[in-house]
Amino acid sequence: MDDKFWKAVDALVGASEIKIDRPKGSTHPRHPMVVYPLDYGYLIGTRSGDRAGIDLWVGTHKERRVTGVVCTIDLDKGDAEVKILLGCTDD
């Protein structure tokens, strides 16, 4: 992928405050069988396709840098979302 893309994602994360609203080990509010393996939240002051903040997973790597971007497709809702991976490892 183009280096400009990754620089833009890094700049967006660097300029945004992170809100963790589903800490590691917590359960999904509508699906209690789903347990979050990492901290999950969003970037305050941003907006995704669902009009909420851009979602992100915060991994365990000590260096908090963007390590990936995931696009999810929800066929039931008929929508797609982008999720940023921050400090995620291969594990």
N, C-alpha and C. Protein backbone atom coordinates (compact mmCIF):
# COMPACT_ATOMS: atom_id res chain seq x y z
N MET A 1 0.84 -1.17 0.00
CA MET A 1 0.00 0.00 0.00
C MET A 1 0.89 1.24 0.00
N ASP A 2 0.40 2.31 -0.53
CA ASP A 2 1.13 3.55 -0.66
C ASP A 2 1.57 4.09 0.70
N ASP A 3 2.82 4.59 0.77
CA ASP A 3 3.37 5.14 2.00
C ASP A 3 2.55 6.33 2.49
N LYS A 4 1.95 7.09 1.58
CA LYS A 4 1.12 8.24 1.97
C LYS A 4 -0.06 7.80 2.83
N PHE A 5 -0.62 6.65 2.49
CA PHE A 5 -1.75 6.13 3.26
C PHE A 5 -1.34 5.92 4.71
N TRP A 6 -0.22 5.21 4.93
CA TRP A 6 0.21 4.90 6.29
C TRP A 6 0.59 6.16 7.06
N LYS A 7 1.20 7.12 6.38
CA LYS A 7 1.52 8.40 7.03
C LYS A 7 0.25 9.12 7.45
N ALA A 8 -0.78 9.07 6.61
CA ALA A 8 -2.05 9.72 6.93
C ALA A 8 -2.72 9.05 8.13
N VAL A 9 -2.69 7.72 8.17
CA VAL A 9 -3.28 7.00 9.31
C VAL A 9 -2.51 7.32 10.58
N ASP A 10 -1.17 7.31 10.52
CA ASP A 10 -0.35 7.67 11.68
C ASP A 10 -0.67 9.08 12.15
N ALA A 11 -0.81 10.03 11.21
CA ALA A 11 -1.11 11.41 11.56
C ALA A 11 -2.48 11.52 12.22
N LEU A 12 -3.47 10.80 11.70
CA LEU A 12 -4.81 10.83 12.28
C LEU A 12 -4.80 10.31 13.72
N VAL A 13 -4.16 9.18 13.94
CA VAL A 13 -4.09 8.61 15.29
C VAL A 13 -3.31 9.54 16.22
N GLY A 14 -2.19 10.09 15.72
CA GLY A 14 -1.37 10.97 16.54
C GLY A 14 -2.07 12.24 16.95
N ALA A 15 -3.01 12.71 16.13
CA ALA A 15 -3.72 13.95 16.41
C ALA A 15 -5.02 13.73 17.17
N SER A 16 -5.35 12.49 17.47
CA SER A 16 -6.64 12.16 18.09
C SER A 16 -6.46 11.61 19.49
N GLU A 17 -7.46 11.85 20.31
CA GLU A 17 -7.50 11.25 21.64
C GLU A 17 -8.18 9.90 21.52
N ILE A 18 -7.63 8.90 22.21
CA ILE A 18 -8.19 7.55 22.17
C ILE A 18 -9.12 7.34 23.36
N LYS A 19 -10.31 6.84 23.09
CA LYS A 19 -11.27 6.48 24.13
C LYS A 19 -11.46 4.97 24.09
N ILE A 20 -11.05 4.29 25.16
CA ILE A 20 -11.27 2.84 25.27
C ILE A 20 -12.60 2.64 25.99
N ASP A 21 -13.59 2.17 25.27
CA ASP A 21 -14.89 1.95 25.89
C ASP A 21 -15.20 0.47 26.12
N ARG A 22 -14.33 -0.39 25.62
CA ARG A 22 -14.49 -1.83 25.85
C ARG A 22 -13.11 -2.40 26.18
N PRO A 23 -12.75 -2.37 27.45
CA PRO A 23 -11.42 -2.85 27.85
C PRO A 23 -11.23 -4.36 27.61
N LYS A 24 -9.99 -4.74 27.48
CA LYS A 24 -9.64 -6.16 27.33
C LYS A 24 -10.34 -6.97 28.43
N GLY A 25 -10.98 -8.07 28.03
CA GLY A 25 -11.67 -8.94 28.97
C GLY A 25 -13.14 -8.61 29.16
N SER A 26 -13.58 -7.45 28.67
CA SER A 26 -14.99 -7.11 28.80
C SER A 26 -15.80 -7.83 27.73
N THR A 27 -17.12 -7.83 27.90
CA THR A 27 -17.99 -8.51 26.94
C THR A 27 -18.72 -7.50 26.06
N HIS A 28 -19.10 -7.95 24.88
CA HIS A 28 -19.84 -7.12 23.95
C HIS A 28 -21.20 -6.80 24.56
N PRO A 29 -21.66 -5.55 24.44
CA PRO A 29 -22.93 -5.18 25.08
C PRO A 29 -24.16 -5.93 24.57
N ARG A 30 -24.17 -6.33 23.31
CA ARG A 30 -25.34 -7.05 22.77
C ARG A 30 -25.08 -8.55 22.62
N HIS A 31 -23.82 -8.95 22.67
CA HIS A 31 -23.47 -10.36 22.49
C HIS A 31 -22.53 -10.78 23.61
N PRO A 32 -23.08 -11.11 24.79
CA PRO A 32 -22.25 -11.37 25.97
C PRO A 32 -21.30 -12.57 25.84
N MET A 33 -21.47 -13.38 24.83
CA MET A 33 -20.55 -14.50 24.63
C MET A 33 -19.23 -14.03 24.00
N VAL A 34 -19.24 -12.83 23.42
CA VAL A 34 -18.05 -12.27 22.78
C VAL A 34 -17.25 -11.49 23.82
N VAL A 35 -16.01 -11.94 24.07
CA VAL A 35 -15.12 -11.30 25.03
C VAL A 35 -14.00 -10.62 24.25
N TYR A 36 -13.74 -9.37 24.57
CA TYR A 36 -12.72 -8.60 23.86
C TYR A 36 -11.32 -9.05 24.28
N PRO A 37 -10.50 -9.52 23.33
CA PRO A 37 -9.16 -10.00 23.66
C PRO A 37 -8.15 -8.86 23.83
N LEU A 38 -8.51 -7.67 23.37
CA LEU A 38 -7.65 -6.48 23.47
C LEU A 38 -8.55 -5.29 23.82
N ASP A 39 -7.92 -4.18 24.21
CA ASP A 39 -8.68 -2.96 24.40
C ASP A 39 -9.27 -2.53 23.06
N TYR A 40 -10.52 -2.08 23.10
CA TYR A 40 -11.23 -1.66 21.89
C TYR A 40 -11.88 -0.32 22.16
N GLY A 41 -11.74 0.58 21.23
CA GLY A 41 -12.33 1.90 21.42
C GLY A 41 -12.41 2.65 20.12
N TYR A 42 -12.26 3.97 20.22
CA TYR A 42 -12.39 4.81 19.04
C TYR A 42 -11.58 6.08 19.20
N LEU A 43 -11.42 6.79 18.10
CA LEU A 43 -10.70 8.06 18.10
C LEU A 43 -11.73 9.18 18.28
N ILE A 44 -11.60 9.92 19.37
CA ILE A 44 -12.52 11.03 19.65
C ILE A 44 -12.34 12.10 18.57
N GLY A 45 -13.46 12.65 18.13
CA GLY A 45 -13.43 13.73 17.14
C GLY A 45 -13.30 13.26 15.70
N THR A 46 -13.39 11.94 15.47
CA THR A 46 -13.36 11.41 14.11
C THR A 46 -14.73 10.83 13.80
N ARG A 47 -14.94 10.47 12.53
CA ARG A 47 -16.22 9.89 12.16
C ARG A 47 -16.02 8.82 11.11
N SER A 48 -16.63 7.68 11.35
CA SER A 48 -16.56 6.55 10.43
C SER A 48 -17.88 6.45 9.67
N GLY A 49 -18.03 5.39 8.91
CA GLY A 49 -19.24 5.19 8.12
C GLY A 49 -20.51 5.13 8.93
N ASP A 50 -20.42 4.71 10.19
CA ASP A 50 -21.60 4.63 11.06
C ASP A 50 -21.83 5.93 11.82
N ARG A 51 -21.07 6.96 11.47
CA ARG A 51 -21.14 8.29 12.07
C ARG A 51 -20.58 8.34 13.48
N ALA A 52 -20.05 7.26 13.97
CA ALA A 52 -19.37 7.25 15.27
C ALA A 52 -17.87 7.40 15.01
N GLY A 53 -17.09 7.51 16.07
CA GLY A 53 -15.65 7.65 15.93
C GLY A 53 -15.03 6.44 15.25
N ILE A 54 -13.89 6.66 14.61
CA ILE A 54 -13.18 5.57 13.95
C ILE A 54 -12.71 4.58 15.01
N ASP A 55 -13.05 3.31 14.82
CA ASP A 55 -12.73 2.25 15.79
C ASP A 55 -11.26 1.89 15.74
N LEU A 56 -10.76 1.42 16.89
CA LEU A 56 -9.41 0.88 16.90
C LEU A 56 -9.25 -0.17 17.99
N TRP A 57 -8.36 -1.09 17.69
CA TRP A 57 -7.92 -2.12 18.64
C TRP A 57 -6.55 -1.67 19.13
N VAL A 58 -6.32 -1.75 20.43
CA VAL A 58 -5.02 -1.38 21.00
C VAL A 58 -4.37 -2.66 21.51
N GLY A 59 -3.26 -3.01 20.89
CA GLY A 59 -2.55 -4.24 21.24
C GLY A 59 -1.58 -4.06 22.39
N THR A 60 -0.74 -5.06 22.55
CA THR A 60 0.16 -5.11 23.70
C THR A 60 1.58 -4.65 23.41
N HIS A 61 1.87 -4.32 22.15
CA HIS A 61 3.22 -3.89 21.80
C HIS A 61 3.51 -2.58 22.53
N LYS A 62 4.71 -2.46 23.11
CA LYS A 62 5.07 -1.25 23.86
C LYS A 62 5.08 -0.01 22.99
N GLU A 63 5.49 -0.15 21.74
CA GLU A 63 5.49 0.97 20.81
C GLU A 63 4.09 1.11 20.23
N ARG A 64 3.41 2.20 20.55
CA ARG A 64 2.04 2.39 20.09
C ARG A 64 2.05 3.06 18.73
N ARG A 65 2.23 2.24 17.71
CA ARG A 65 2.19 2.74 16.35
C ARG A 65 1.17 1.93 15.57
N VAL A 66 0.70 2.51 14.47
CA VAL A 66 -0.28 1.82 13.64
C VAL A 66 0.40 0.59 13.02
N THR A 67 -0.21 -0.56 13.24
CA THR A 67 0.34 -1.81 12.72
C THR A 67 -0.56 -2.44 11.66
N GLY A 68 -1.72 -1.85 11.44
CA GLY A 68 -2.61 -2.38 10.41
C GLY A 68 -3.93 -1.65 10.38
N VAL A 69 -4.68 -1.91 9.33
CA VAL A 69 -6.03 -1.39 9.16
C VAL A 69 -6.89 -2.53 8.64
N VAL A 70 -8.06 -2.70 9.24
CA VAL A 70 -8.96 -3.78 8.86
C VAL A 70 -10.27 -3.16 8.38
N CYS A 71 -10.80 -3.70 7.32
CA CYS A 71 -12.13 -3.30 6.85
C CYS A 71 -13.07 -4.46 7.15
N THR A 72 -14.14 -4.19 7.90
CA THR A 72 -15.11 -5.23 8.22
C THR A 72 -16.39 -5.00 7.41
N ILE A 73 -17.01 -6.08 7.02
CA ILE A 73 -18.27 -6.04 6.28
C ILE A 73 -19.33 -6.76 7.12
N ASP A 74 -20.43 -6.08 7.40
CA ASP A 74 -21.53 -6.67 8.16
C ASP A 74 -22.70 -6.84 7.20
N LEU A 75 -22.94 -8.07 6.78
CA LEU A 75 -24.01 -8.33 5.82
C LEU A 75 -25.39 -8.10 6.43
N ASP A 76 -25.54 -8.35 7.74
CA ASP A 76 -26.84 -8.14 8.38
C ASP A 76 -27.21 -6.66 8.39
N LYS A 77 -26.23 -5.80 8.69
CA LYS A 77 -26.48 -4.36 8.71
C LYS A 77 -26.36 -3.73 7.34
N GLY A 78 -25.65 -4.42 6.44
CA GLY A 78 -25.41 -3.86 5.12
C GLY A 78 -24.43 -2.70 5.15
N ASP A 79 -23.40 -2.82 6.01
CA ASP A 79 -22.43 -1.73 6.07
C ASP A 79 -21.01 -2.25 6.17
N ALA A 80 -20.08 -1.32 6.06
CA ALA A 80 -18.67 -1.62 6.17
C ALA A 80 -18.04 -0.60 7.11
N GLU A 81 -17.00 -1.02 7.83
CA GLU A 81 -16.30 -0.13 8.74
C GLU A 81 -14.81 -0.37 8.66
N VAL A 82 -14.07 0.67 9.01
CA VAL A 82 -12.62 0.59 9.09
C VAL A 82 -12.24 0.53 10.56
N LYS A 83 -11.29 -0.32 10.88
CA LYS A 83 -10.78 -0.43 12.25
C LYS A 83 -9.26 -0.35 12.19
N ILE A 84 -8.69 0.51 13.01
CA ILE A 84 -7.25 0.70 13.05
C ILE A 84 -6.66 -0.23 14.11
N LEU A 85 -5.55 -0.87 13.78
CA LEU A 85 -4.82 -1.69 14.74
C LEU A 85 -3.64 -0.86 15.23
N LEU A 86 -3.57 -0.65 16.52
CA LEU A 86 -2.54 0.17 17.12
C LEU A 86 -1.72 -0.67 18.08
N GLY A 87 -0.45 -0.83 17.80
CA GLY A 87 0.41 -1.61 18.68
C GLY A 87 0.08 -3.08 18.74
N CYS A 88 -0.49 -3.61 17.69
CA CYS A 88 -0.86 -5.03 17.65
C CYS A 88 0.33 -5.85 17.15
N THR A 89 0.48 -7.04 17.70
CA THR A 89 1.54 -7.95 17.30
C THR A 89 0.94 -9.06 16.44
N ASP A 90 1.77 -9.93 15.93
CA ASP A 90 1.28 -11.06 15.14
C ASP A 90 0.38 -11.97 15.98
N ASP A 91 0.60 -12.01 17.27
CA ASP A 91 -0.22 -12.84 18.15
C ASP A 91 -1.61 -12.27 18.28
